[in-house]
Amino acid sequence: DDGRILMVEIMDNNIKTLLIAIYAPNDNQEDFYRKLHMQIIKLDYANICMMEDLNGGVDEKLDHKTQKTTKRTRKILPKSFFQIIDKMNLKDIWRKRNMDKKQ
């Protein structure tokens, strides 16, 4: 599976916003997020709203309800994901409103 991306432009009060829905692949995430970043840069939007199924975690301690170890290793997202967040100045609204909650 190569993952899926849906991008839609919405206009509200003459303000354009790019909505991005993402289903990230389980494997080869570094390349997936690098390509996504390049697509977002080409489109050149000031306002972006990204909703996603990351198939990985941002913070190992907060993104898992249990600390129980399983056969499957918990996956932390690749560096290319964090570069998108940093360079595009994106914020995790759920995490900002629920700082100490585990998902």
N, C-alpha and C. Protein backbone atom coordinates (compact mmCIF):
# COMPACT_ATOMS: atom_id res chain seq x y z
N ASP A 1 0.85 -1.19 0.00
CA ASP A 1 0.00 0.00 0.00
C ASP A 1 0.89 1.24 0.00
N ASP A 2 0.62 2.18 -0.91
CA ASP A 2 1.41 3.40 -1.02
C ASP A 2 0.81 4.56 -0.26
N GLY A 3 -0.29 4.35 0.44
CA GLY A 3 -0.96 5.44 1.14
C GLY A 3 -1.88 6.20 0.19
N ARG A 4 -2.68 7.07 0.76
CA ARG A 4 -3.61 7.87 -0.05
C ARG A 4 -3.63 9.30 0.43
N ILE A 5 -3.84 10.22 -0.52
CA ILE A 5 -3.91 11.65 -0.21
C ILE A 5 -5.07 12.24 -1.00
N LEU A 6 -5.91 13.01 -0.32
CA LEU A 6 -6.98 13.75 -0.98
C LEU A 6 -6.80 15.21 -0.59
N MET A 7 -6.71 16.09 -1.60
CA MET A 7 -6.56 17.52 -1.36
C MET A 7 -7.74 18.25 -1.97
N VAL A 8 -8.35 19.15 -1.20
CA VAL A 8 -9.51 19.91 -1.65
C VAL A 8 -9.33 21.36 -1.22
N GLU A 9 -9.61 22.28 -2.13
CA GLU A 9 -9.56 23.70 -1.79
C GLU A 9 -10.95 24.16 -1.39
N ILE A 10 -11.04 24.87 -0.26
CA ILE A 10 -12.31 25.48 0.12
C ILE A 10 -12.10 26.99 0.20
N MET A 11 -13.18 27.72 -0.01
CA MET A 11 -13.14 29.18 0.05
C MET A 11 -14.20 29.62 1.05
N ASP A 12 -13.80 30.40 2.04
CA ASP A 12 -14.72 30.92 3.04
C ASP A 12 -14.35 32.37 3.31
N ASN A 13 -15.30 33.27 3.06
CA ASN A 13 -15.04 34.71 3.23
C ASN A 13 -13.79 35.16 2.47
N ASN A 14 -13.66 34.69 1.25
CA ASN A 14 -12.52 35.01 0.38
C ASN A 14 -11.17 34.54 0.93
N ILE A 15 -11.19 33.55 1.80
CA ILE A 15 -9.96 32.97 2.32
C ILE A 15 -9.87 31.54 1.81
N LYS A 16 -8.81 31.25 1.04
CA LYS A 16 -8.60 29.91 0.51
C LYS A 16 -7.89 29.05 1.55
N THR A 17 -8.39 27.83 1.71
CA THR A 17 -7.77 26.87 2.62
C THR A 17 -7.63 25.54 1.88
N LEU A 18 -6.50 24.91 2.05
CA LEU A 18 -6.26 23.59 1.47
C LEU A 18 -6.56 22.55 2.55
N LEU A 19 -7.55 21.69 2.29
CA LEU A 19 -7.85 20.57 3.18
C LEU A 19 -7.13 19.35 2.64
N ILE A 20 -6.43 18.66 3.51
CA ILE A 20 -5.67 17.48 3.10
C ILE A 20 -6.08 16.31 4.00
N ALA A 21 -6.57 15.24 3.38
CA ALA A 21 -6.89 14.01 4.11
C ALA A 21 -5.85 12.97 3.72
N ILE A 22 -5.23 12.37 4.72
CA ILE A 22 -4.11 11.46 4.48
C ILE A 22 -4.35 10.12 5.15
N TYR A 23 -4.06 9.06 4.42
CA TYR A 23 -3.94 7.73 5.00
C TYR A 23 -2.51 7.29 4.67
N ALA A 24 -1.64 7.35 5.65
CA ALA A 24 -0.23 7.05 5.43
C ALA A 24 -0.02 5.54 5.30
N PRO A 25 0.96 5.15 4.49
CA PRO A 25 1.26 3.72 4.37
C PRO A 25 1.92 3.21 5.64
N ASN A 26 1.90 1.91 5.84
CA ASN A 26 2.58 1.32 6.99
C ASN A 26 4.09 1.28 6.78
N ASP A 27 4.51 1.16 5.53
CA ASP A 27 5.93 1.08 5.20
C ASP A 27 6.32 2.25 4.30
N ASN A 28 7.62 2.51 4.22
CA ASN A 28 8.17 3.55 3.34
C ASN A 28 7.56 4.93 3.62
N GLN A 29 7.36 5.23 4.89
CA GLN A 29 6.76 6.51 5.26
C GLN A 29 7.68 7.70 4.99
N GLU A 30 8.97 7.51 5.10
CA GLU A 30 9.92 8.61 4.85
C GLU A 30 9.68 9.19 3.46
N ASP A 31 9.62 8.34 2.46
CA ASP A 31 9.41 8.76 1.08
C ASP A 31 8.02 9.37 0.89
N PHE A 32 7.00 8.76 1.51
CA PHE A 32 5.62 9.25 1.41
C PHE A 32 5.52 10.69 1.91
N TYR A 33 6.07 10.97 3.07
CA TYR A 33 5.97 12.33 3.64
C TYR A 33 6.84 13.33 2.88
N ARG A 34 7.96 12.88 2.35
CA ARG A 34 8.81 13.77 1.54
C ARG A 34 8.05 14.21 0.29
N LYS A 35 7.40 13.26 -0.39
CA LYS A 35 6.62 13.59 -1.60
C LYS A 35 5.43 14.48 -1.25
N LEU A 36 4.75 14.20 -0.15
CA LEU A 36 3.63 15.02 0.29
C LEU A 36 4.08 16.46 0.53
N HIS A 37 5.21 16.62 1.20
CA HIS A 37 5.75 17.96 1.47
C HIS A 37 5.99 18.72 0.17
N MET A 38 6.57 18.06 -0.81
CA MET A 38 6.83 18.72 -2.10
C MET A 38 5.52 19.14 -2.78
N GLN A 39 4.49 18.31 -2.71
CA GLN A 39 3.19 18.66 -3.31
C GLN A 39 2.59 19.87 -2.61
N ILE A 40 2.66 19.91 -1.29
CA ILE A 40 2.10 21.04 -0.54
C ILE A 40 2.83 22.33 -0.88
N ILE A 41 4.15 22.26 -0.98
CA ILE A 41 4.95 23.45 -1.33
C ILE A 41 4.56 23.97 -2.71
N LYS A 42 4.40 23.07 -3.69
CA LYS A 42 4.02 23.49 -5.05
C LYS A 42 2.68 24.21 -5.07
N LEU A 43 1.74 23.78 -4.24
CA LEU A 43 0.40 24.38 -4.24
C LEU A 43 0.38 25.75 -3.57
N ASP A 44 1.31 26.03 -2.68
CA ASP A 44 1.52 27.36 -2.10
C ASP A 44 0.27 27.96 -1.46
N TYR A 45 -0.24 27.29 -0.42
CA TYR A 45 -1.38 27.80 0.35
C TYR A 45 -0.89 28.38 1.67
N ALA A 46 -1.50 29.48 2.09
CA ALA A 46 -1.18 30.07 3.40
C ALA A 46 -1.93 29.33 4.51
N ASN A 47 -3.11 28.79 4.19
CA ASN A 47 -3.94 28.10 5.18
C ASN A 47 -4.09 26.63 4.81
N ILE A 48 -3.69 25.76 5.72
CA ILE A 48 -3.74 24.32 5.48
C ILE A 48 -4.37 23.64 6.69
N CYS A 49 -5.27 22.71 6.41
CA CYS A 49 -5.85 21.86 7.46
C CYS A 49 -5.61 20.42 7.03
N MET A 50 -4.84 19.70 7.83
CA MET A 50 -4.47 18.33 7.48
C MET A 50 -5.08 17.36 8.49
N MET A 51 -5.82 16.38 7.98
CA MET A 51 -6.41 15.33 8.81
C MET A 51 -5.78 14.03 8.36
N GLU A 52 -5.40 13.21 9.33
CA GLU A 52 -4.65 12.05 8.88
C GLU A 52 -4.75 10.83 9.78
N ASP A 53 -4.56 9.69 9.14
CA ASP A 53 -4.31 8.43 9.82
C ASP A 53 -2.83 8.18 9.55
N LEU A 54 -2.01 8.45 10.55
CA LEU A 54 -0.56 8.46 10.36
C LEU A 54 0.08 7.07 10.30
N ASN A 55 -0.58 6.08 10.87
CA ASN A 55 0.03 4.76 11.01
C ASN A 55 1.39 4.85 11.70
N GLY A 56 1.43 5.68 12.73
CA GLY A 56 2.63 5.86 13.53
C GLY A 56 2.34 6.88 14.60
N GLY A 57 3.28 7.05 15.51
CA GLY A 57 3.08 7.97 16.61
C GLY A 57 4.03 9.15 16.57
N VAL A 58 3.58 10.25 17.14
CA VAL A 58 4.40 11.45 17.24
C VAL A 58 5.18 11.41 18.55
N ASP A 59 4.51 11.00 19.62
CA ASP A 59 5.12 10.94 20.95
C ASP A 59 4.80 9.56 21.53
N GLU A 60 5.81 8.75 21.70
CA GLU A 60 5.61 7.36 22.13
C GLU A 60 4.87 7.27 23.47
N LYS A 61 5.14 8.19 24.39
CA LYS A 61 4.51 8.13 25.72
C LYS A 61 3.06 8.57 25.69
N LEU A 62 2.71 9.52 24.82
CA LEU A 62 1.35 10.04 24.79
C LEU A 62 0.46 9.41 23.73
N ASP A 63 1.03 8.79 22.73
CA ASP A 63 0.23 8.26 21.63
C ASP A 63 -0.22 6.82 21.83
N HIS A 64 0.07 6.25 22.99
CA HIS A 64 -0.35 4.87 23.26
C HIS A 64 -0.92 4.81 24.67
N LYS A 65 -2.12 4.24 24.80
CA LYS A 65 -2.77 4.18 26.11
C LYS A 65 -2.04 3.25 27.08
N THR A 66 -1.51 2.17 26.59
CA THR A 66 -0.84 1.23 27.49
C THR A 66 0.66 1.25 27.22
N GLN A 67 1.40 0.92 28.22
CA GLN A 67 2.85 0.81 28.07
C GLN A 67 3.25 -0.65 27.83
N LYS A 68 2.23 -1.51 27.69
CA LYS A 68 2.47 -2.93 27.48
C LYS A 68 3.22 -3.14 26.16
N THR A 69 4.26 -3.91 26.20
CA THR A 69 4.99 -4.20 24.97
C THR A 69 4.31 -5.37 24.27
N THR A 70 4.25 -5.29 22.99
CA THR A 70 3.65 -6.35 22.19
C THR A 70 4.69 -6.86 21.22
N LYS A 71 4.30 -7.85 20.44
CA LYS A 71 5.22 -8.37 19.43
C LYS A 71 5.54 -7.31 18.39
N ARG A 72 4.56 -6.45 18.12
CA ARG A 72 4.77 -5.40 17.12
C ARG A 72 5.42 -4.19 17.78
N THR A 73 6.48 -3.71 17.20
CA THR A 73 7.14 -2.51 17.71
C THR A 73 6.30 -1.29 17.35
N ARG A 74 6.16 -0.40 18.30
CA ARG A 74 5.41 0.83 18.03
C ARG A 74 6.26 1.73 17.15
N LYS A 75 5.63 2.23 16.11
CA LYS A 75 6.35 2.99 15.11
C LYS A 75 6.25 4.50 15.39
N ILE A 76 7.40 5.16 15.45
CA ILE A 76 7.45 6.62 15.54
C ILE A 76 7.59 7.12 14.10
N LEU A 77 6.94 8.23 13.82
CA LEU A 77 6.92 8.78 12.46
C LEU A 77 8.32 9.19 12.01
N PRO A 78 8.57 9.19 10.69
CA PRO A 78 9.89 9.51 10.16
C PRO A 78 10.21 11.01 10.24
N LYS A 79 11.48 11.30 10.07
CA LYS A 79 11.96 12.68 10.12
C LYS A 79 11.23 13.57 9.10
N SER A 80 10.91 13.04 7.93
CA SER A 80 10.25 13.85 6.90
C SER A 80 8.87 14.34 7.36
N PHE A 81 8.17 13.57 8.22
CA PHE A 81 6.89 14.04 8.77
C PHE A 81 7.12 15.27 9.64
N PHE A 82 8.10 15.19 10.53
CA PHE A 82 8.36 16.30 11.45
C PHE A 82 8.87 17.54 10.70
N GLN A 83 9.54 17.34 9.57
CA GLN A 83 9.98 18.48 8.76
C GLN A 83 8.78 19.21 8.16
N ILE A 84 7.75 18.47 7.74
CA ILE A 84 6.53 19.11 7.22
C ILE A 84 5.91 19.96 8.33
N ILE A 85 5.77 19.38 9.51
CA ILE A 85 5.15 20.08 10.64
C ILE A 85 5.93 21.35 10.96
N ASP A 86 7.24 21.24 10.98
CA ASP A 86 8.08 22.39 11.33
C ASP A 86 8.08 23.46 10.24
N LYS A 87 8.36 23.07 9.01
CA LYS A 87 8.50 24.06 7.92
C LYS A 87 7.18 24.69 7.51
N MET A 88 6.07 23.95 7.66
CA MET A 88 4.76 24.49 7.28
C MET A 88 4.06 25.13 8.49
N ASN A 89 4.72 25.07 9.65
CA ASN A 89 4.18 25.64 10.89
C ASN A 89 2.80 25.07 11.22
N LEU A 90 2.66 23.75 11.08
CA LEU A 90 1.38 23.09 11.36
C LEU A 90 1.29 22.77 12.85
N LYS A 91 0.08 22.76 13.38
CA LYS A 91 -0.16 22.48 14.80
C LYS A 91 -1.11 21.30 14.94
N ASP A 92 -0.87 20.48 15.95
CA ASP A 92 -1.76 19.37 16.29
C ASP A 92 -2.79 19.92 17.27
N ILE A 93 -3.96 20.27 16.76
CA ILE A 93 -4.99 20.91 17.57
C ILE A 93 -5.49 19.97 18.66
N TRP A 94 -5.69 18.69 18.33
CA TRP A 94 -6.15 17.75 19.35
C TRP A 94 -5.16 17.68 20.50
N ARG A 95 -3.88 17.54 20.18
CA ARG A 95 -2.85 17.44 21.22
C ARG A 95 -2.76 18.74 22.02
N LYS A 96 -2.92 19.88 21.36
CA LYS A 96 -2.85 21.17 22.05
C LYS A 96 -3.97 21.30 23.08
N ARG A 97 -5.15 20.76 22.75
CA ARG A 97 -6.30 20.84 23.66
C ARG A 97 -6.32 19.70 24.68
N ASN A 98 -5.58 18.65 24.42
CA ASN A 98 -5.56 17.47 25.30
C ASN A 98 -4.12 17.08 25.61
N MET A 99 -3.38 18.00 26.17
CA MET A 99 -1.94 17.83 26.35
C MET A 99 -1.51 16.56 27.09
N ASP A 100 -2.27 16.17 28.10
CA ASP A 100 -1.85 15.03 28.91
C ASP A 100 -2.62 13.74 28.63
N LYS A 101 -3.58 13.79 27.72
CA LYS A 101 -4.38 12.60 27.43
C LYS A 101 -3.61 11.64 26.54
N LYS A 102 -3.83 10.38 26.80
CA LYS A 102 -3.25 9.34 25.94
C LYS A 102 -4.31 8.90 24.96
N GLN A 103 -3.87 8.58 23.75
CA GLN A 103 -4.82 8.16 22.71
C GLN A 103 -4.88 6.66 22.63
